[in-house]
Amino acid sequence: MPVTTLTDITLSEVGELRHRPHTAIIDVRDEWEFDEFNIGGLNIPLPDIRTRKAELLPYKSLIIVCTNGVRSRVAAKDLLRQSEFQDKAIYHLHGGIIEAVD
């Protein structure tokens, strides 16, 4: 079984990767944060990531984001531990979307 690794990426790399087929951005912030500002994608708050993981299974690549990179790293590492995600490319937005706010 292939072992999935976590790849840290920059905001500009998110812009490039998001257009690849079967790729989804997963924003793990709370709903109100997502409503206030987001870069698109699915909003699945960190506490719900395991109960809503079925929504992520159709995608081959997952780009996990949050405000500053802390919650998204937790979510990405959690997904790495689950057998259903062993064949997926998992990317983590290092530093979060705070860079896009300026």
N, C-alpha and C. Protein backbone atom coordinates (compact mmCIF):
# COMPACT_ATOMS: atom_id res chain seq x y z
N MET A 1 0.85 -1.18 0.00
CA MET A 1 0.00 0.00 0.00
C MET A 1 0.89 1.24 0.00
N PRO A 2 0.65 2.20 -0.92
CA PRO A 2 1.47 3.40 -0.95
C PRO A 2 1.25 4.24 0.31
N VAL A 3 2.29 4.91 0.74
CA VAL A 3 2.19 5.76 1.91
C VAL A 3 2.05 7.20 1.46
N THR A 4 0.97 7.83 1.88
CA THR A 4 0.72 9.21 1.52
C THR A 4 1.59 10.11 2.38
N THR A 5 2.09 11.16 1.77
CA THR A 5 2.88 12.13 2.52
C THR A 5 2.18 13.48 2.48
N LEU A 6 2.54 14.30 3.41
CA LEU A 6 1.99 15.65 3.50
C LEU A 6 2.97 16.60 2.84
N THR A 7 2.47 17.41 1.92
CA THR A 7 3.31 18.37 1.22
C THR A 7 2.88 19.78 1.58
N ASP A 8 3.79 20.55 2.15
CA ASP A 8 3.51 21.96 2.43
C ASP A 8 3.60 22.75 1.14
N ILE A 9 2.63 23.63 0.92
CA ILE A 9 2.64 24.46 -0.28
C ILE A 9 2.35 25.91 0.09
N THR A 10 2.63 26.81 -0.84
CA THR A 10 2.38 28.23 -0.66
C THR A 10 1.03 28.61 -1.26
N LEU A 11 0.60 29.82 -0.98
CA LEU A 11 -0.67 30.30 -1.52
C LEU A 11 -0.64 30.35 -3.05
N SER A 12 0.48 30.73 -3.63
CA SER A 12 0.55 30.74 -5.10
C SER A 12 0.47 29.33 -5.67
N GLU A 13 1.02 28.35 -4.97
CA GLU A 13 0.92 26.96 -5.42
C GLU A 13 -0.51 26.45 -5.33
N VAL A 14 -1.27 26.93 -4.32
CA VAL A 14 -2.68 26.57 -4.23
C VAL A 14 -3.39 27.02 -5.51
N GLY A 15 -3.07 28.24 -5.95
CA GLY A 15 -3.67 28.76 -7.17
C GLY A 15 -3.42 27.89 -8.38
N GLU A 16 -2.25 27.28 -8.44
CA GLU A 16 -1.92 26.40 -9.56
C GLU A 16 -2.57 25.02 -9.41
N LEU A 17 -2.49 24.45 -8.22
CA LEU A 17 -2.99 23.09 -7.98
C LEU A 17 -4.50 22.99 -8.03
N ARG A 18 -5.20 24.04 -7.63
CA ARG A 18 -6.66 23.97 -7.52
C ARG A 18 -7.35 23.68 -8.85
N HIS A 19 -6.67 23.91 -9.95
CA HIS A 19 -7.26 23.70 -11.27
C HIS A 19 -7.01 22.30 -11.83
N ARG A 20 -6.28 21.50 -11.12
CA ARG A 20 -6.04 20.13 -11.56
C ARG A 20 -7.33 19.32 -11.39
N PRO A 21 -7.55 18.35 -12.28
CA PRO A 21 -8.74 17.50 -12.15
C PRO A 21 -8.75 16.75 -10.82
N HIS A 22 -9.94 16.55 -10.27
CA HIS A 22 -10.15 15.76 -9.05
C HIS A 22 -9.42 16.34 -7.84
N THR A 23 -9.33 17.67 -7.79
CA THR A 23 -8.67 18.35 -6.68
C THR A 23 -9.68 19.22 -5.95
N ALA A 24 -9.61 19.21 -4.62
CA ALA A 24 -10.52 20.03 -3.82
C ALA A 24 -9.74 20.79 -2.76
N ILE A 25 -10.17 22.02 -2.52
CA ILE A 25 -9.68 22.80 -1.39
C ILE A 25 -10.63 22.53 -0.24
N ILE A 26 -10.07 22.18 0.91
CA ILE A 26 -10.86 21.93 2.11
C ILE A 26 -10.46 22.97 3.14
N ASP A 27 -11.40 23.84 3.48
CA ASP A 27 -11.18 24.90 4.47
C ASP A 27 -11.71 24.38 5.80
N VAL A 28 -10.82 24.20 6.78
CA VAL A 28 -11.20 23.57 8.05
C VAL A 28 -11.53 24.59 9.16
N ARG A 29 -11.74 25.84 8.77
CA ARG A 29 -12.12 26.85 9.76
C ARG A 29 -13.61 26.72 10.08
N ASP A 30 -14.04 27.40 11.13
CA ASP A 30 -15.46 27.42 11.48
C ASP A 30 -16.26 28.10 10.39
N GLU A 31 -17.56 27.80 10.35
CA GLU A 31 -18.43 28.33 9.31
C GLU A 31 -18.40 29.86 9.24
N TRP A 32 -18.44 30.51 10.39
CA TRP A 32 -18.46 31.98 10.39
C TRP A 32 -17.18 32.56 9.81
N GLU A 33 -16.06 31.89 10.03
CA GLU A 33 -14.79 32.34 9.47
C GLU A 33 -14.80 32.20 7.95
N PHE A 34 -15.32 31.07 7.49
CA PHE A 34 -15.41 30.81 6.06
C PHE A 34 -16.32 31.83 5.39
N ASP A 35 -17.45 32.13 6.04
CA ASP A 35 -18.39 33.11 5.50
C ASP A 35 -17.78 34.51 5.42
N GLU A 36 -16.93 34.82 6.39
CA GLU A 36 -16.31 36.15 6.43
C GLU A 36 -15.30 36.35 5.31
N PHE A 37 -14.49 35.32 5.03
CA PHE A 37 -13.47 35.39 3.98
C PHE A 37 -13.03 33.97 3.65
N ASN A 38 -12.92 33.66 2.36
CA ASN A 38 -12.42 32.35 1.98
C ASN A 38 -11.80 32.42 0.58
N ILE A 39 -11.09 31.36 0.23
CA ILE A 39 -10.49 31.28 -1.11
C ILE A 39 -11.20 30.22 -1.94
N GLY A 40 -12.40 29.84 -1.52
CA GLY A 40 -13.18 28.83 -2.22
C GLY A 40 -13.02 27.46 -1.59
N GLY A 41 -13.64 26.50 -2.20
CA GLY A 41 -13.55 25.13 -1.72
C GLY A 41 -14.68 24.74 -0.80
N LEU A 42 -14.51 23.59 -0.17
CA LEU A 42 -15.49 23.07 0.77
C LEU A 42 -15.15 23.53 2.17
N ASN A 43 -16.17 23.91 2.92
CA ASN A 43 -15.96 24.27 4.32
C ASN A 43 -16.34 23.08 5.18
N ILE A 44 -15.33 22.42 5.74
CA ILE A 44 -15.54 21.32 6.68
C ILE A 44 -14.72 21.65 7.92
N PRO A 45 -15.38 22.21 8.95
CA PRO A 45 -14.65 22.59 10.17
C PRO A 45 -13.86 21.42 10.76
N LEU A 46 -12.73 21.72 11.33
CA LEU A 46 -11.83 20.69 11.88
C LEU A 46 -12.56 19.66 12.75
N PRO A 47 -13.46 20.07 13.67
CA PRO A 47 -14.13 19.04 14.50
C PRO A 47 -14.99 18.07 13.70
N ASP A 48 -15.35 18.44 12.48
CA ASP A 48 -16.23 17.59 11.65
C ASP A 48 -15.48 16.78 10.60
N ILE A 49 -14.17 16.92 10.54
CA ILE A 49 -13.41 16.32 9.44
C ILE A 49 -13.58 14.80 9.35
N ARG A 50 -13.65 14.12 10.47
CA ARG A 50 -13.80 12.65 10.43
C ARG A 50 -15.22 12.24 10.08
N THR A 51 -16.21 12.94 10.60
CA THR A 51 -17.60 12.55 10.34
C THR A 51 -18.02 12.89 8.91
N ARG A 52 -17.30 13.81 8.27
CA ARG A 52 -17.65 14.21 6.90
C ARG A 52 -16.62 13.74 5.87
N LYS A 53 -15.77 12.79 6.25
CA LYS A 53 -14.70 12.35 5.35
C LYS A 53 -15.21 11.73 4.06
N ALA A 54 -16.42 11.21 4.06
CA ALA A 54 -16.98 10.63 2.83
C ALA A 54 -17.07 11.67 1.72
N GLU A 55 -17.24 12.93 2.07
CA GLU A 55 -17.31 14.01 1.08
C GLU A 55 -15.98 14.21 0.36
N LEU A 56 -14.89 13.75 0.98
CA LEU A 56 -13.56 13.94 0.43
C LEU A 56 -13.09 12.77 -0.44
N LEU A 57 -13.72 11.64 -0.31
CA LEU A 57 -13.26 10.43 -0.99
C LEU A 57 -13.25 10.52 -2.52
N PRO A 58 -14.16 11.25 -3.17
CA PRO A 58 -14.11 11.31 -4.64
C PRO A 58 -12.88 12.04 -5.21
N TYR A 59 -12.19 12.79 -4.40
CA TYR A 59 -11.06 13.59 -4.88
C TYR A 59 -9.75 12.82 -4.79
N LYS A 60 -8.85 13.08 -5.74
CA LYS A 60 -7.52 12.46 -5.72
C LYS A 60 -6.52 13.32 -4.97
N SER A 61 -6.73 14.64 -5.01
CA SER A 61 -5.83 15.58 -4.33
C SER A 61 -6.65 16.48 -3.41
N LEU A 62 -6.16 16.67 -2.20
CA LEU A 62 -6.83 17.51 -1.21
C LEU A 62 -5.87 18.61 -0.77
N ILE A 63 -6.33 19.84 -0.85
CA ILE A 63 -5.56 20.98 -0.38
C ILE A 63 -6.25 21.47 0.89
N ILE A 64 -5.59 21.31 2.03
CA ILE A 64 -6.20 21.64 3.32
C ILE A 64 -5.72 23.03 3.74
N VAL A 65 -6.69 23.92 4.07
CA VAL A 65 -6.35 25.30 4.42
C VAL A 65 -7.08 25.74 5.68
N CYS A 66 -6.52 26.76 6.34
CA CYS A 66 -7.16 27.45 7.46
C CYS A 66 -6.56 28.85 7.52
N THR A 67 -6.78 29.56 8.60
CA THR A 67 -6.31 30.93 8.70
C THR A 67 -4.80 31.04 8.70
N ASN A 68 -4.14 30.31 9.61
CA ASN A 68 -2.69 30.46 9.76
C ASN A 68 -1.90 29.16 9.62
N GLY A 69 -2.57 28.08 9.28
CA GLY A 69 -1.88 26.82 9.03
C GLY A 69 -1.88 25.83 10.17
N VAL A 70 -2.40 26.21 11.34
CA VAL A 70 -2.37 25.30 12.49
C VAL A 70 -3.45 24.23 12.38
N ARG A 71 -4.70 24.63 12.24
CA ARG A 71 -5.79 23.66 12.14
C ARG A 71 -5.69 22.80 10.89
N SER A 72 -5.24 23.41 9.80
CA SER A 72 -5.13 22.64 8.56
C SER A 72 -4.05 21.56 8.67
N ARG A 73 -2.98 21.83 9.40
CA ARG A 73 -1.95 20.81 9.61
C ARG A 73 -2.50 19.65 10.43
N VAL A 74 -3.27 19.97 11.47
CA VAL A 74 -3.89 18.92 12.29
C VAL A 74 -4.82 18.06 11.42
N ALA A 75 -5.65 18.71 10.62
CA ALA A 75 -6.59 17.98 9.75
C ALA A 75 -5.84 17.12 8.74
N ALA A 76 -4.83 17.67 8.10
CA ALA A 76 -4.07 16.93 7.09
C ALA A 76 -3.39 15.71 7.71
N LYS A 77 -2.79 15.87 8.87
CA LYS A 77 -2.13 14.74 9.53
C LYS A 77 -3.13 13.68 9.94
N ASP A 78 -4.32 14.10 10.35
CA ASP A 78 -5.37 13.15 10.70
C ASP A 78 -5.78 12.34 9.47
N LEU A 79 -5.96 13.01 8.34
CA LEU A 79 -6.33 12.30 7.11
C LEU A 79 -5.24 11.31 6.70
N LEU A 80 -3.99 11.68 6.89
CA LEU A 80 -2.87 10.80 6.53
C LEU A 80 -2.93 9.46 7.27
N ARG A 81 -3.47 9.48 8.47
CA ARG A 81 -3.53 8.27 9.30
C ARG A 81 -4.66 7.32 8.90
N GLN A 82 -5.57 7.77 8.05
CA GLN A 82 -6.73 6.97 7.71
C GLN A 82 -6.51 6.21 6.40
N SER A 83 -6.83 4.94 6.41
CA SER A 83 -6.54 4.08 5.26
C SER A 83 -7.22 4.55 3.98
N GLU A 84 -8.40 5.17 4.08
CA GLU A 84 -9.13 5.62 2.89
C GLU A 84 -8.38 6.69 2.10
N PHE A 85 -7.42 7.33 2.74
CA PHE A 85 -6.72 8.44 2.12
C PHE A 85 -5.29 8.10 1.72
N GLN A 86 -4.94 6.83 1.78
CA GLN A 86 -3.57 6.42 1.46
C GLN A 86 -3.22 6.59 0.00
N ASP A 87 -4.21 6.68 -0.87
CA ASP A 87 -3.92 6.83 -2.30
C ASP A 87 -4.13 8.27 -2.78
N LYS A 88 -4.26 9.21 -1.86
CA LYS A 88 -4.52 10.61 -2.19
C LYS A 88 -3.27 11.47 -2.00
N ALA A 89 -3.21 12.55 -2.77
CA ALA A 89 -2.16 13.55 -2.56
C ALA A 89 -2.74 14.58 -1.59
N ILE A 90 -2.07 14.79 -0.47
CA ILE A 90 -2.57 15.72 0.53
C ILE A 90 -1.58 16.88 0.65
N TYR A 91 -2.11 18.08 0.43
CA TYR A 91 -1.32 19.30 0.49
C TYR A 91 -1.81 20.15 1.66
N HIS A 92 -0.89 20.85 2.26
CA HIS A 92 -1.19 21.72 3.39
C HIS A 92 -0.69 23.13 3.05
N LEU A 93 -1.59 24.12 3.16
CA LEU A 93 -1.20 25.50 2.91
C LEU A 93 -0.42 26.03 4.10
N HIS A 94 0.89 26.06 3.94
CA HIS A 94 1.79 26.54 5.00
C HIS A 94 1.56 28.04 5.24
N GLY A 95 1.29 28.40 6.47
CA GLY A 95 1.07 29.81 6.80
C GLY A 95 -0.37 30.27 6.66
N GLY A 96 -1.21 29.45 6.06
CA GLY A 96 -2.63 29.73 5.96
C GLY A 96 -3.01 30.81 4.96
N ILE A 97 -4.32 31.08 4.92
CA ILE A 97 -4.85 32.05 3.96
C ILE A 97 -4.69 33.48 4.43
N ILE A 98 -4.12 33.68 5.60
CA ILE A 98 -3.90 35.03 6.12
C ILE A 98 -3.11 35.88 5.11
N GLU A 99 -2.26 35.20 4.32
CA GLU A 99 -1.46 35.88 3.30
C GLU A 99 -2.36 36.54 2.23
N ALA A 100 -3.53 35.94 1.98
CA ALA A 100 -4.41 36.44 0.94
C ALA A 100 -5.23 37.65 1.38
N VAL A 101 -5.26 37.93 2.65
CA VAL A 101 -6.09 39.01 3.19
C VAL A 101 -5.51 40.39 2.87
N ASP A 102 -4.21 40.49 2.76
CA ASP A 102 -3.55 41.79 2.55
C ASP A 102 -4.05 42.50 1.38
